[in-house]
Amino acid sequence: MANQSQAGTGGVPANAKTSEFYKTENIPNRFENPEWFQGYGGKPQHAMYRTSSSDYGAKAPSVHTMPTTFHARSQKFSLHLGTCGMYRNHSLNTAPDQSRV
């Protein structure tokens, strides 16, 4: 680890890569470099309505919260829809027209 400046939380150096801390397998660059992401931040919330999920989402990710494996899904269905288009209902409309007035 050449860069030893501290990022603040957990003693993780700035610009640390996930593979420097964990064994990774087939992950995209965005998961390898957590500093590319920022936390969602957000406006301060009333304590009564704050959730642990909003607290978690407000923090920027670190090498410890990034996934270590990536398994992409097939795009076969989406590619087919792009080719032929979405389904359109061509059946007979038997409902009375609504008055727009």
C-alpha atoms as a PDB file:
ATOM      1  CA  MET A   1       0.000   0.000   0.000  1.00  0.00           C
ATOM      2  CA  ALA A   2       1.892   3.006  -1.282  1.00  0.00           C
ATOM      3  CA  ASN A   3      -0.576   5.683  -0.173  1.00  0.00           C
ATOM      4  CA  GLN A   4      -0.664   5.747   3.628  1.00  0.00           C
ATOM      5  CA  SER A   5      -2.897   8.806   4.181  1.00  0.00           C
ATOM      6  CA  GLN A   6      -5.868   7.864   6.335  1.00  0.00           C
ATOM      7  CA  ALA A   7      -9.365   8.165   4.866  1.00  0.00           C
ATOM      8  CA  GLY A   8     -10.904   8.467   8.302  1.00  0.00           C
ATOM      9  CA  THR A   9     -12.915   5.341   9.084  1.00  0.00           C
ATOM     10  CA  GLY A  10     -11.417   2.012  10.010  1.00  0.00           C
ATOM     11  CA  GLY A  11      -7.829   3.042   9.252  1.00  0.00           C
ATOM     12  CA  VAL A  12      -8.300   2.394   5.530  1.00  0.00           C
ATOM     13  CA  PRO A  13      -5.877   4.375   3.348  1.00  0.00           C
ATOM     14  CA  ALA A  14      -7.260   6.776   0.749  1.00  0.00           C
ATOM     15  CA  ASN A  15      -7.659   5.243  -2.724  1.00  0.00           C
ATOM     16  CA  ALA A  16      -7.557   1.714  -1.271  1.00  0.00           C
ATOM     17  CA  LYS A  17      -8.722  -1.109  -3.505  1.00  0.00           C
ATOM     18  CA  THR A  18     -11.055  -3.855  -2.343  1.00  0.00           C
ATOM     19  CA  SER A  19      -8.649  -6.541  -3.564  1.00  0.00           C
ATOM     20  CA  GLU A  20      -5.968  -5.202  -1.190  1.00  0.00           C
ATOM     21  CA  PHE A  21      -8.132  -6.266   1.769  1.00  0.00           C
ATOM     22  CA  TYR A  22     -10.269  -9.148   0.489  1.00  0.00           C
ATOM     23  CA  LYS A  23      -9.978 -11.955  -2.029  1.00  0.00           C
ATOM     24  CA  THR A  24     -12.078 -10.749  -4.963  1.00  0.00           C
ATOM     25  CA  GLU A  25     -13.453 -12.591  -7.949  1.00  0.00           C
ATOM     26  CA  ASN A  26     -14.594 -11.042 -11.216  1.00  0.00           C
ATOM     27  CA  ILE A  27     -15.611  -7.624  -9.851  1.00  0.00           C
ATOM     28  CA  PRO A  28     -16.041  -4.484 -11.988  1.00  0.00           C
ATOM     29  CA  ASN A  29     -13.795  -1.468 -11.441  1.00  0.00           C
ATOM     30  CA  ARG A  30     -16.584   0.401  -9.633  1.00  0.00           C
ATOM     31  CA  PHE A  31     -16.490  -2.235  -6.861  1.00  0.00           C
ATOM     32  CA  GLU A  32     -12.697  -2.321  -6.839  1.00  0.00           C
ATOM     33  CA  ASN A  33     -12.505   1.452  -6.188  1.00  0.00           C
ATOM     34  CA  PRO A  34     -15.045   2.441  -3.510  1.00  0.00           C
ATOM     35  CA  GLU A  35     -13.868   6.075  -3.497  1.00  0.00           C
ATOM     36  CA  TRP A  36     -15.614   6.489  -6.873  1.00  0.00           C
ATOM     37  CA  PHE A  37     -18.926   6.420  -4.990  1.00  0.00           C
ATOM     38  CA  GLN A  38     -20.196   9.059  -2.612  1.00  0.00           C
ATOM     39  CA  GLY A  39     -22.779   8.492   0.077  1.00  0.00           C
ATOM     40  CA  TYR A  40     -26.272   9.756  -0.582  1.00  0.00           C
ATOM     41  CA  GLY A  41     -25.878  12.245   2.242  1.00  0.00           C
ATOM     42  CA  GLY A  42     -29.291  13.701   2.666  1.00  0.00           C
ATOM     43  CA  LYS A  43     -30.934  16.328   4.748  1.00  0.00           C
ATOM     44  CA  PRO A  44     -31.116  15.999   8.529  1.00  0.00           C
ATOM     45  CA  GLN A  45     -34.139  13.997   9.651  1.00  0.00           C
ATOM     46  CA  HIS A  46     -36.256  14.175  12.746  1.00  0.00           C
ATOM     47  CA  ALA A  47     -35.017  11.570  15.238  1.00  0.00           C
ATOM     48  CA  MET A  48     -38.450   9.942  15.405  1.00  0.00           C
ATOM     49  CA  TYR A  49     -38.443   9.155  11.674  1.00  0.00           C
ATOM     50  CA  ARG A  50     -34.777   8.212  11.256  1.00  0.00           C
ATOM     51  CA  THR A  51     -34.097   4.604  10.314  1.00  0.00           C
ATOM     52  CA  SER A  52     -30.952   2.533  10.425  1.00  0.00           C
ATOM     53  CA  SER A  53     -31.318   2.131   6.664  1.00  0.00           C
ATOM     54  CA  SER A  54     -31.124   5.908   6.122  1.00  0.00           C
ATOM     55  CA  ASP A  55     -28.099   6.098   8.425  1.00  0.00           C
ATOM     56  CA  TYR A  56     -26.385   3.348   6.430  1.00  0.00           C
ATOM     57  CA  GLY A  57     -27.221   4.958   3.080  1.00  0.00           C
ATOM     58  CA  ALA A  58     -25.871   8.343   4.134  1.00  0.00           C
ATOM     59  CA  LYS A  59     -22.342   6.982   4.510  1.00  0.00           C
ATOM     60  CA  ALA A  60     -19.909   6.640   1.624  1.00  0.00           C
ATOM     61  CA  PRO A  61     -18.938   3.022   0.893  1.00  0.00           C
ATOM     62  CA  SER A  62     -15.591   1.573   1.928  1.00  0.00           C
ATOM     63  CA  VAL A  63     -13.585  -1.495   0.964  1.00  0.00           C
ATOM     64  CA  HIS A  64     -15.333  -3.324   3.806  1.00  0.00           C
ATOM     65  CA  THR A  65     -18.845  -2.734   2.418  1.00  0.00           C
ATOM     66  CA  MET A  66     -18.106  -3.453  -1.257  1.00  0.00           C
ATOM     67  CA  PRO A  67     -19.066  -6.829  -2.781  1.00  0.00           C
ATOM     68  CA  THR A  68     -16.194  -9.241  -3.352  1.00  0.00           C
ATOM     69  CA  THR A  69     -17.814 -11.247  -6.156  1.00  0.00           C
ATOM     70  CA  PHE A  70     -19.915 -10.268  -9.153  1.00  0.00           C
ATOM     71  CA  HIS A  71     -22.195 -12.552 -11.133  1.00  0.00           C
ATOM     72  CA  ALA A  72     -23.746 -10.729 -14.098  1.00  0.00           C
ATOM     73  CA  ARG A  73     -27.223 -11.652 -15.297  1.00  0.00           C
ATOM     74  CA  SER A  74     -28.050 -12.518 -18.889  1.00  0.00           C
ATOM     75  CA  GLN A  75     -29.576  -9.665 -20.917  1.00  0.00           C
ATOM     76  CA  LYS A  76     -31.390 -12.052 -23.274  1.00  0.00           C
ATOM     77  CA  PHE A  77     -34.903 -10.952 -22.229  1.00  0.00           C
ATOM     78  CA  SER A  78     -34.142  -7.227 -22.488  1.00  0.00           C
ATOM     79  CA  LEU A  79     -32.454  -7.644 -25.856  1.00  0.00           C
ATOM     80  CA  HIS A  80     -35.529  -9.464 -27.162  1.00  0.00           C
ATOM     81  CA  LEU A  81     -37.828  -6.661 -25.941  1.00  0.00           C
ATOM     82  CA  GLY A  82     -35.626  -4.076 -27.629  1.00  0.00           C
ATOM     83  CA  THR A  83     -35.948  -5.951 -30.911  1.00  0.00           C
ATOM     84  CA  CYS A  84     -39.685  -6.623 -31.001  1.00  0.00           C
ATOM     85  CA  GLY A  85     -41.053  -3.931 -28.621  1.00  0.00           C
ATOM     86  CA  MET A  86     -43.329  -4.096 -25.610  1.00  0.00           C
ATOM     87  CA  TYR A  87     -46.643  -5.939 -25.679  1.00  0.00           C
ATOM     88  CA  ARG A  88     -49.601  -3.821 -26.792  1.00  0.00           C
ATOM     89  CA  ASN A  89     -53.217  -4.775 -26.101  1.00  0.00           C
ATOM     90  CA  HIS A  90     -55.200  -4.572 -29.371  1.00  0.00           C
ATOM     91  CA  SER A  91     -58.447  -5.958 -27.954  1.00  0.00           C
ATOM     92  CA  LEU A  92     -61.858  -4.312 -28.339  1.00  0.00           C
ATOM     93  CA  ASN A  93     -62.617  -1.532 -25.861  1.00  0.00           C
ATOM     94  CA  THR A  94     -66.143  -2.093 -24.511  1.00  0.00           C
ATOM     95  CA  ALA A  95     -66.086   0.429 -21.658  1.00  0.00           C
ATOM     96  CA  PRO A  96     -68.199   3.589 -22.025  1.00  0.00           C
ATOM     97  CA  ASP A  97     -66.239   6.794 -22.693  1.00  0.00           C
ATOM     98  CA  GLN A  98     -65.557   8.937 -19.654  1.00  0.00           C
ATOM     99  CA  SER A  99     -66.861  12.492 -19.709  1.00  0.00           C
ATOM    100  CA  ARG A 100     -63.956  14.948 -19.688  1.00  0.00           C
ATOM    101  CA  VAL A 101     -66.152  17.810 -18.433  1.00  0.00           C
END
